[in-house]
Structure formats: structure tokens, C-alpha cells
Amino acid sequence: MENVKIAITDDDALIVSLLQGYLHSCEGMEVLFTANSGPGLLSLLAEASILPDVLVLDLKMDGMDGIEVTNHLKADHPDIKVIVVSSHYQRSFMGFMLKTGVSAFLPKGISPIDLVDVIRTVHRQGFYFKEDQLDAVRQQISSKSPKPALEHDDTLSDREIEVLRLICHQKTAKEMADELFLTARTIDGHKANLFAKTGAKNIAGLVIYAIQHGYIKVDELPVL
């Protein structure tokens, strides 16, 4: 199995150095490069021949903060999954962070062992929720979320809804293909349609869309 390719961006050079050293020591982890600022990261990405799978990103940095960096990545490098690790962590930020396109939002006090688990989870399924974060998402989503408007062209098909629900249940493309008796390529096509119709920026965005539009209840989501 290929290593998870990682980039780290934080304006604290000591944190970057320590985290880089730890991740290098973990089986299946490969740190491609590090940066101490948002512009520095974007410059490295522009010149890189190999892009990271996952970016571990600080939220508050001088000049360009983590939100601005994420916005750039979602426009120019949408396949890179972003994990924001911040000393300014608050559960109340959860809905906004997911809407921005972040795949996981964590406090900076997280243990290195737990961070590695989160990196692997995000790489495998595209998002990571903690139980208390699901509670926060539940509180931030209106109970009066609108039902899908069936007359519009962007209405999801029955098959797309099935795929969306399976995504919410953390199924891989192969698992979805086996369960729905489809090919993995067909599943990828349905996922592409879901992104186009919902405007979601990543898998986490699809999960939020599914909750907001009543395709799945927060209580149905698996807790990690």
C-alpha cells in the first residue's frame, strides 16, 4: 500500500519540525514538504511534481490564515484533503469549517498518535468527525432544512441518493459498487454528479449537504 503523502503548514517552526520528525517515523506516512506560511505552501504546490494527499494546516497564521489557504486549495488543488489543527479550536466553528472544505478540524492539543489515526481516516474516507462535533453540527443545522425541490434539474436521482447515503456511512467506492451491483467507474460517475449538483467541495461537504436536505439524519452517521 502506498504511503500517505503529507504536507505541513504552520508558522511555528518548532511545531513543524517536531511533527515532521514524528510523522516520518510512522509506518505508511511520508512528509513531502513543509511550509511556515500560506504563500510559502502555495509556492511549493505550484512547483511540486507530486502533490500531497493530506495537508495538516494551522488556522491562525500571519498574512494568509488557514481559511484563505483552504479556499485556494479547493480552487486549485481540490484533491488535497485539509486537516486544520488549531489552538483556537471551538466546536462552534465546526459547521463553518466543513462548509469551507476542511476534512477535519482538531485542537492543537491532540496527541500525535491520534493525529496519525485522523490522517489515515481522512485519507481513506475523506472526512473525520468526533462525537461532540456531530452534536455541534446537529445544533448548527436548522430543523427546518428544506426538502429537495423535485422540479429542478439538479434533483438527485434515486441512485445518486443511494450513493450519497453510502458515502455518509463511510463506504469505499468498491464497497458501494459491491452493494449496489455496479462498477467502481459507475460509482465514480455518480460521485462526480453529486459534486456537480450539490456544489460540495469534498466528501465532508457531501455529508453536510445530505444532513441539510434530509437525506440522512445526524444520528445515523457512524461515530469514529
C-alpha atoms as a PDB file:
ATOM      1  CA  MET A   1       0.000   0.000   0.000  1.00  0.00           C
ATOM      2  CA  GLU A   2       1.298   3.452  -0.892  1.00  0.00           C
ATOM      3  CA  ASN A   3       2.319   5.863   1.827  1.00  0.00           C
ATOM      4  CA  VAL A   4       0.008   8.725   2.740  1.00  0.00           C
ATOM      5  CA  LYS A   5       1.751  11.774   1.295  1.00  0.00           C
ATOM      6  CA  ILE A   6       1.587  14.724   3.704  1.00  0.00           C
ATOM      7  CA  ALA A   7       2.368  18.435   3.748  1.00  0.00           C
ATOM      8  CA  ILE A   8       2.555  20.516   6.933  1.00  0.00           C
ATOM      9  CA  THR A   9       1.990  24.265   7.199  1.00  0.00           C
ATOM     10  CA  ASP A  10       2.349  26.173  10.466  1.00  0.00           C
ATOM     11  CA  ASP A  11       4.088  29.432  11.311  1.00  0.00           C
ATOM     12  CA  ASP A  12       5.599  27.815  14.408  1.00  0.00           C
ATOM     13  CA  ALA A  13       8.847  26.306  13.076  1.00  0.00           C
ATOM     14  CA  LEU A  14       9.329  24.126  16.158  1.00  0.00           C
ATOM     15  CA  ILE A  15       5.903  22.515  15.790  1.00  0.00           C
ATOM     16  CA  VAL A  16       6.573  21.861  12.107  1.00  0.00           C
ATOM     17  CA  SER A  17       9.930  20.273  12.859  1.00  0.00           C
ATOM     18  CA  LEU A  18       8.597  18.062  15.657  1.00  0.00           C
ATOM     19  CA  LEU A  19       5.542  16.973  13.696  1.00  0.00           C
ATOM     20  CA  GLN A  20       7.599  16.259  10.594  1.00  0.00           C
ATOM     21  CA  GLY A  21      10.007  14.113  12.593  1.00  0.00           C
ATOM     22  CA  TYR A  22       7.206  12.174  14.253  1.00  0.00           C
ATOM     23  CA  LEU A  23       5.267  11.519  11.051  1.00  0.00           C
ATOM     24  CA  HIS A  24       8.444  10.386   9.286  1.00  0.00           C
ATOM     25  CA  SER A  25       8.815   7.747  11.995  1.00  0.00           C
ATOM     26  CA  CYS A  26       5.283   6.383  11.446  1.00  0.00           C
ATOM     27  CA  GLU A  27       4.759   3.484   9.083  1.00  0.00           C
ATOM     28  CA  GLY A  28       2.818   4.473   5.980  1.00  0.00           C
ATOM     29  CA  MET A  29       3.443   8.222   6.414  1.00  0.00           C
ATOM     30  CA  GLU A  30       5.572  10.361   4.094  1.00  0.00           C
ATOM     31  CA  VAL A  31       6.056  14.113   4.585  1.00  0.00           C
ATOM     32  CA  LEU A  32       6.654  15.607   1.137  1.00  0.00           C
ATOM     33  CA  PHE A  33       7.357  19.146   2.317  1.00  0.00           C
ATOM     34  CA  THR A  34       6.673  21.740   4.981  1.00  0.00           C
ATOM     35  CA  ALA A  35       5.976  25.475   4.947  1.00  0.00           C
ATOM     36  CA  ASN A  36       5.797  28.222   7.550  1.00  0.00           C
ATOM     37  CA  SER A  37       3.200  30.345   5.733  1.00  0.00           C
ATOM     38  CA  GLY A  38       0.270  30.102   3.358  1.00  0.00           C
ATOM     39  CA  PRO A  39       2.099  31.767   0.442  1.00  0.00           C
ATOM     40  CA  GLY A  40       5.073  29.503   1.080  1.00  0.00           C
ATOM     41  CA  LEU A  41       2.854  26.442   0.810  1.00  0.00           C
ATOM     42  CA  LEU A  42       1.173  27.652  -2.376  1.00  0.00           C
ATOM     43  CA  SER A  43       4.577  28.287  -3.963  1.00  0.00           C
ATOM     44  CA  LEU A  44       5.705  24.755  -3.117  1.00  0.00           C
ATOM     45  CA  LEU A  45       2.496  23.281  -4.524  1.00  0.00           C
ATOM     46  CA  ALA A  46       2.870  25.261  -7.749  1.00  0.00           C
ATOM     47  CA  GLU A  47       6.339  23.771  -8.304  1.00  0.00           C
ATOM     48  CA  ALA A  48       5.696  20.255  -6.973  1.00  0.00           C
ATOM     49  CA  SER A  49       5.763  17.263  -9.302  1.00  0.00           C
ATOM     50  CA  ILE A  50       3.964  15.164  -6.672  1.00  0.00           C
ATOM     51  CA  LEU A  51       1.164  16.644  -4.589  1.00  0.00           C
ATOM     52  CA  PRO A  52       0.306  15.639  -1.020  1.00  0.00           C
ATOM     53  CA  ASP A  53      -2.797  13.609  -0.239  1.00  0.00           C
ATOM     54  CA  VAL A  54      -3.311  15.410   3.075  1.00  0.00           C
ATOM     55  CA  LEU A  55      -2.347  18.841   4.363  1.00  0.00           C
ATOM     56  CA  VAL A  56      -2.006  19.412   8.111  1.00  0.00           C
ATOM     57  CA  LEU A  57      -2.673  23.130   8.451  1.00  0.00           C
ATOM     58  CA  ASP A  58      -2.607  25.741  11.219  1.00  0.00           C
ATOM     59  CA  LEU A  59      -5.653  28.011  11.382  1.00  0.00           C
ATOM     60  CA  LYS A  60      -4.195  31.297  12.607  1.00  0.00           C
ATOM     61  CA  MET A  61      -1.071  32.396  10.746  1.00  0.00           C
ATOM     62  CA  ASP A  62       0.310  35.831   9.920  1.00  0.00           C
ATOM     63  CA  GLY A  63      -0.640  37.123   6.479  1.00  0.00           C
ATOM     64  CA  MET A  64      -2.716  34.305   4.991  1.00  0.00           C
ATOM     65  CA  ASP A  65      -4.699  32.280   7.537  1.00  0.00           C
ATOM     66  CA  GLY A  66      -5.826  28.679   7.253  1.00  0.00           C
ATOM     67  CA  ILE A  67      -9.238  29.572   5.830  1.00  0.00           C
ATOM     68  CA  GLU A  68      -7.657  31.541   2.984  1.00  0.00           C
ATOM     69  CA  VAL A  69      -5.232  28.695   2.306  1.00  0.00           C
ATOM     70  CA  THR A  70      -8.115  26.206   2.192  1.00  0.00           C
ATOM     71  CA  ASN A  71     -10.044  28.408  -0.240  1.00  0.00           C
ATOM     72  CA  HIS A  72      -7.014  28.494  -2.563  1.00  0.00           C
ATOM     73  CA  LEU A  73      -6.588  24.727  -2.347  1.00  0.00           C
ATOM     74  CA  LYS A  74     -10.241  23.997  -3.096  1.00  0.00           C
ATOM     75  CA  ALA A  75      -9.956  26.167  -6.214  1.00  0.00           C
ATOM     76  CA  ASP A  76      -6.554  24.964  -7.465  1.00  0.00           C
ATOM     77  CA  HIS A  77      -5.879  21.600  -5.786  1.00  0.00           C
ATOM     78  CA  PRO A  78      -9.277  20.142  -4.808  1.00  0.00           C
ATOM     79  CA  ASP A  79      -7.941  16.608  -4.312  1.00  0.00           C
ATOM     80  CA  ILE A  80      -5.799  17.639  -1.338  1.00  0.00           C
ATOM     81  CA  LYS A  81      -7.648  16.891   1.896  1.00  0.00           C
ATOM     82  CA  VAL A  82      -7.188  19.558   4.572  1.00  0.00           C
ATOM     83  CA  ILE A  83      -6.888  18.848   8.293  1.00  0.00           C
ATOM     84  CA  VAL A  84      -6.910  22.040  10.336  1.00  0.00           C
ATOM     85  CA  VAL A  85      -5.204  21.752  13.728  1.00  0.00           C
ATOM     86  CA  SER A  86      -5.654  24.885  15.796  1.00  0.00           C
ATOM     87  CA  SER A  87      -5.066  26.324  19.253  1.00  0.00           C
ATOM     88  CA  HIS A  88      -8.236  28.347  18.523  1.00  0.00           C
ATOM     89  CA  TYR A  89     -10.358  25.212  18.241  1.00  0.00           C
ATOM     90  CA  GLN A  90     -14.020  25.618  19.121  1.00  0.00           C
ATOM     91  CA  ARG A  91     -16.825  23.185  18.332  1.00  0.00           C
ATOM     92  CA  SER A  92     -18.989  26.126  17.287  1.00  0.00           C
ATOM     93  CA  PHE A  93     -16.649  26.626  14.295  1.00  0.00           C
ATOM     94  CA  MET A  94     -17.380  23.117  13.002  1.00  0.00           C
ATOM     95  CA  GLY A  95     -20.155  23.912  10.533  1.00  0.00           C
ATOM     96  CA  PHE A  96     -18.214  26.819   9.026  1.00  0.00           C
ATOM     97  CA  MET A  97     -15.026  24.775   8.703  1.00  0.00           C
ATOM     98  CA  LEU A  98     -16.812  21.959   6.893  1.00  0.00           C
ATOM     99  CA  LYS A  99     -18.574  24.410   4.596  1.00  0.00           C
ATOM    100  CA  THR A 100     -15.176  25.886   3.760  1.00  0.00           C
ATOM    101  CA  GLY A 101     -13.955  22.488   2.616  1.00  0.00           C
ATOM    102  CA  VAL A 102     -11.961  21.251   5.597  1.00  0.00           C
ATOM    103  CA  SER A 103     -11.990  17.465   6.042  1.00  0.00           C
ATOM    104  CA  ALA A 104     -11.210  17.529   9.774  1.00  0.00           C
ATOM    105  CA  PHE A 105     -10.924  20.191  12.474  1.00  0.00           C
ATOM    106  CA  LEU A 106      -8.860  19.370  15.555  1.00  0.00           C
ATOM    107  CA  PRO A 107      -7.480  21.044  18.675  1.00  0.00           C
ATOM    108  CA  LYS A 108      -3.728  21.593  18.711  1.00  0.00           C
ATOM    109  CA  GLY A 109      -3.532  19.577  21.919  1.00  0.00           C
ATOM    110  CA  ILE A 110      -4.369  16.366  20.054  1.00  0.00           C
ATOM    111  CA  SER A 111      -1.871  13.602  20.688  1.00  0.00           C
ATOM    112  CA  PRO A 112       0.462  12.666  17.807  1.00  0.00           C
ATOM    113  CA  ILE A 113      -0.889   9.107  17.881  1.00  0.00           C
ATOM    114  CA  ASP A 114      -4.468  10.340  17.491  1.00  0.00           C
ATOM    115  CA  LEU A 115      -3.410  12.736  14.739  1.00  0.00           C
ATOM    116  CA  VAL A 116      -1.948   9.850  12.748  1.00  0.00           C
ATOM    117  CA  ASP A 117      -5.254   7.991  13.101  1.00  0.00           C
ATOM    118  CA  VAL A 118      -7.126  11.049  11.850  1.00  0.00           C
ATOM    119  CA  ILE A 119      -4.757  11.442   8.884  1.00  0.00           C
ATOM    120  CA  ARG A 120      -5.337   7.819   7.905  1.00  0.00           C
ATOM    121  CA  THR A 121      -9.109   8.172   8.306  1.00  0.00           C
ATOM    122  CA  VAL A 122      -9.250  11.350   6.213  1.00  0.00           C
ATOM    123  CA  HIS A 123      -7.062   9.799   3.527  1.00  0.00           C
ATOM    124  CA  ARG A 124      -9.265   6.702   3.402  1.00  0.00           C
ATOM    125  CA  GLN A 125     -12.762   8.187   3.549  1.00  0.00           C
ATOM    126  CA  GLY A 126     -12.420  11.938   3.057  1.00  0.00           C
ATOM    127  CA  PHE A 127     -13.602  13.250   6.438  1.00  0.00           C
ATOM    128  CA  TYR A 128     -13.374  12.777  10.195  1.00  0.00           C
ATOM    129  CA  PHE A 129     -15.976  13.605  12.845  1.00  0.00           C
ATOM    130  CA  LYS A 130     -15.753  13.277  16.606  1.00  0.00           C
ATOM    131  CA  GLU A 131     -18.943  12.616  18.574  1.00  0.00           C
ATOM    132  CA  ASP A 132     -19.010  16.100  20.117  1.00  0.00           C
ATOM    133  CA  GLN A 133     -18.527  17.601  16.656  1.00  0.00           C
ATOM    134  CA  LEU A 134     -21.599  15.749  15.413  1.00  0.00           C
ATOM    135  CA  ASP A 135     -23.508  17.312  18.292  1.00  0.00           C
ATOM    136  CA  ALA A 136     -22.267  20.739  17.195  1.00  0.00           C
ATOM    137  CA  VAL A 137     -23.272  20.090  13.586  1.00  0.00           C
ATOM    138  CA  ARG A 138     -26.717  18.980  14.765  1.00  0.00           C
ATOM    139  CA  GLN A 139     -27.145  22.257  16.653  1.00  0.00           C
ATOM    140  CA  GLN A 140     -25.966  24.351  13.706  1.00  0.00           C
ATOM    141  CA  ILE A 141     -28.271  22.786  11.125  1.00  0.00           C
ATOM    142  CA  SER A 142     -31.829  24.056  11.178  1.00  0.00           C
ATOM    143  CA  SER A 143     -34.588  21.551  11.926  1.00  0.00           C
ATOM    144  CA  LYS A 144     -36.465  23.258   9.097  1.00  0.00           C
ATOM    145  CA  SER A 145     -33.903  22.395   6.434  1.00  0.00           C
ATOM    146  CA  PRO A 146     -35.709  22.379   3.081  1.00  0.00           C
ATOM    147  CA  LYS A 147     -36.619  19.186   1.303  1.00  0.00           C
ATOM    148  CA  PRO A 148     -35.204  18.686  -2.191  1.00  0.00           C
ATOM    149  CA  ALA A 149     -37.064  20.638  -4.874  1.00  0.00           C
ATOM    150  CA  LEU A 150     -38.095  17.817  -7.194  1.00  0.00           C
ATOM    151  CA  GLU A 151     -38.863  20.021 -10.155  1.00  0.00           C
ATOM    152  CA  HIS A 152     -35.304  21.348 -10.534  1.00  0.00           C
ATOM    153  CA  ASP A 153     -32.705  19.909 -12.889  1.00  0.00           C
ATOM    154  CA  ASP A 154     -30.262  19.469 -10.021  1.00  0.00           C
ATOM    155  CA  THR A 155     -32.546  16.993  -8.252  1.00  0.00           C
ATOM    156  CA  LEU A 156     -30.677  13.895  -7.156  1.00  0.00           C
ATOM    157  CA  SER A 157     -31.673  10.623  -8.768  1.00  0.00           C
ATOM    158  CA  ASP A 158     -32.632   7.640  -6.634  1.00  0.00           C
ATOM    159  CA  ARG A 159     -29.256   6.044  -7.412  1.00  0.00           C
ATOM    160  CA  GLU A 160     -27.373   9.220  -6.510  1.00  0.00           C
ATOM    161  CA  ILE A 161     -29.224   9.341  -3.201  1.00  0.00           C
ATOM    162  CA  GLU A 162     -28.226   5.734  -2.534  1.00  0.00           C
ATOM    163  CA  VAL A 163     -24.596   6.591  -3.265  1.00  0.00           C
ATOM    164  CA  LEU A 164     -24.816   9.724  -1.110  1.00  0.00           C
ATOM    165  CA  ARG A 165     -26.147   7.757   1.856  1.00  0.00           C
ATOM    166  CA  LEU A 166     -23.430   5.136   1.457  1.00  0.00           C
ATOM    167  CA  ILE A 167     -20.803   7.892   1.368  1.00  0.00           C
ATOM    168  CA  CYS A 168     -22.221   9.152   4.671  1.00  0.00           C
ATOM    169  CA  HIS A 169     -21.804   5.635   6.054  1.00  0.00           C
ATOM    170  CA  GLN A 170     -18.097   5.726   5.123  1.00  0.00           C
ATOM    171  CA  LYS A 171     -18.316   3.119   2.374  1.00  0.00           C
ATOM    172  CA  THR A 172     -15.459   2.940  -0.100  1.00  0.00           C
ATOM    173  CA  ALA A 173     -16.103   3.026  -3.845  1.00  0.00           C
ATOM    174  CA  LYS A 174     -15.529  -0.734  -4.028  1.00  0.00           C
ATOM    175  CA  GLU A 175     -17.910  -1.396  -1.142  1.00  0.00           C
ATOM    176  CA  MET A 176     -20.559   0.789  -2.776  1.00  0.00           C
ATOM    177  CA  ALA A 177     -20.071  -0.953  -6.109  1.00  0.00           C
ATOM    178  CA  ASP A 178     -20.470  -4.372  -4.491  1.00  0.00           C
ATOM    179  CA  GLU A 179     -23.553  -3.345  -2.511  1.00  0.00           C
ATOM    180  CA  LEU A 180     -25.293  -1.700  -5.475  1.00  0.00           C
ATOM    181  CA  PHE A 181     -24.101  -4.253  -8.068  1.00  0.00           C
ATOM    182  CA  LEU A 182     -22.332  -1.555 -10.070  1.00  0.00           C
ATOM    183  CA  THR A 183     -18.787  -0.998 -11.274  1.00  0.00           C
ATOM    184  CA  ALA A 184     -16.381   1.280  -9.419  1.00  0.00           C
ATOM    185  CA  ARG A 185     -16.292   3.504 -12.522  1.00  0.00           C
ATOM    186  CA  THR A 186     -20.072   3.925 -12.359  1.00  0.00           C
ATOM    187  CA  ILE A 187     -19.801   4.839  -8.676  1.00  0.00           C
ATOM    188  CA  ASP A 188     -17.190   7.464  -9.551  1.00  0.00           C
ATOM    189  CA  GLY A 189     -19.594   8.866 -12.125  1.00  0.00           C
ATOM    190  CA  HIS A 190     -22.368   9.171  -9.538  1.00  0.00           C
ATOM    191  CA  LYS A 191     -19.962  10.868  -7.133  1.00  0.00           C
ATOM    192  CA  ALA A 192     -18.970  13.353  -9.826  1.00  0.00           C
ATOM    193  CA  ASN A 193     -22.652  14.114 -10.409  1.00  0.00           C
ATOM    194  CA  LEU A 194     -23.173  14.609  -6.681  1.00  0.00           C
ATOM    195  CA  PHE A 195     -20.355  17.148  -6.509  1.00  0.00           C
ATOM    196  CA  ALA A 196     -21.718  18.983  -9.559  1.00  0.00           C
ATOM    197  CA  LYS A 197     -25.318  19.064  -8.338  1.00  0.00           C
ATOM    198  CA  THR A 198     -24.664  19.883  -4.681  1.00  0.00           C
ATOM    199  CA  GLY A 199     -21.757  22.291  -5.085  1.00  0.00           C
ATOM    200  CA  ALA A 200     -19.919  20.404  -2.324  1.00  0.00           C
ATOM    201  CA  LYS A 201     -16.140  20.843  -2.278  1.00  0.00           C
ATOM    202  CA  ASN A 202     -15.269  17.479  -0.767  1.00  0.00           C
ATOM    203  CA  ILE A 203     -16.733  14.378   0.874  1.00  0.00           C
ATOM    204  CA  ALA A 204     -17.353  16.233   4.120  1.00  0.00           C
ATOM    205  CA  GLY A 205     -19.351  18.775   2.133  1.00  0.00           C
ATOM    206  CA  LEU A 206     -21.491  15.973   0.691  1.00  0.00           C
ATOM    207  CA  VAL A 207     -22.188  14.725   4.213  1.00  0.00           C
ATOM    208  CA  ILE A 208     -23.279  18.192   5.327  1.00  0.00           C
ATOM    209  CA  TYR A 209     -25.470  18.518   2.214  1.00  0.00           C
ATOM    210  CA  ALA A 210     -27.094  15.162   2.953  1.00  0.00           C
ATOM    211  CA  ILE A 211     -27.902  16.265   6.504  1.00  0.00           C
ATOM    212  CA  GLN A 212     -29.201  19.681   5.486  1.00  0.00           C
ATOM    213  CA  HIS A 213     -31.507  18.243   2.833  1.00  0.00           C
ATOM    214  CA  GLY A 214     -32.859  15.371   4.894  1.00  0.00           C
ATOM    215  CA  TYR A 215     -31.202  12.501   3.044  1.00  0.00           C
ATOM    216  CA  ILE A 216     -29.681  11.286   6.298  1.00  0.00           C
ATOM    217  CA  LYS A 217     -30.047  12.168   9.958  1.00  0.00           C
ATOM    218  CA  VAL A 218     -27.072  13.172  12.086  1.00  0.00           C
ATOM    219  CA  ASP A 219     -27.873  10.268  14.421  1.00  0.00           C
ATOM    220  CA  GLU A 220     -27.389   7.832  11.525  1.00  0.00           C
ATOM    221  CA  LEU A 221     -23.793   8.906  10.929  1.00  0.00           C
ATOM    222  CA  PRO A 222     -21.173   6.498  12.260  1.00  0.00           C
ATOM    223  CA  VAL A 223     -19.150   7.922  15.136  1.00  0.00           C
ATOM    224  CA  LEU A 224     -15.364   7.421  14.972  1.00  0.00           C
END
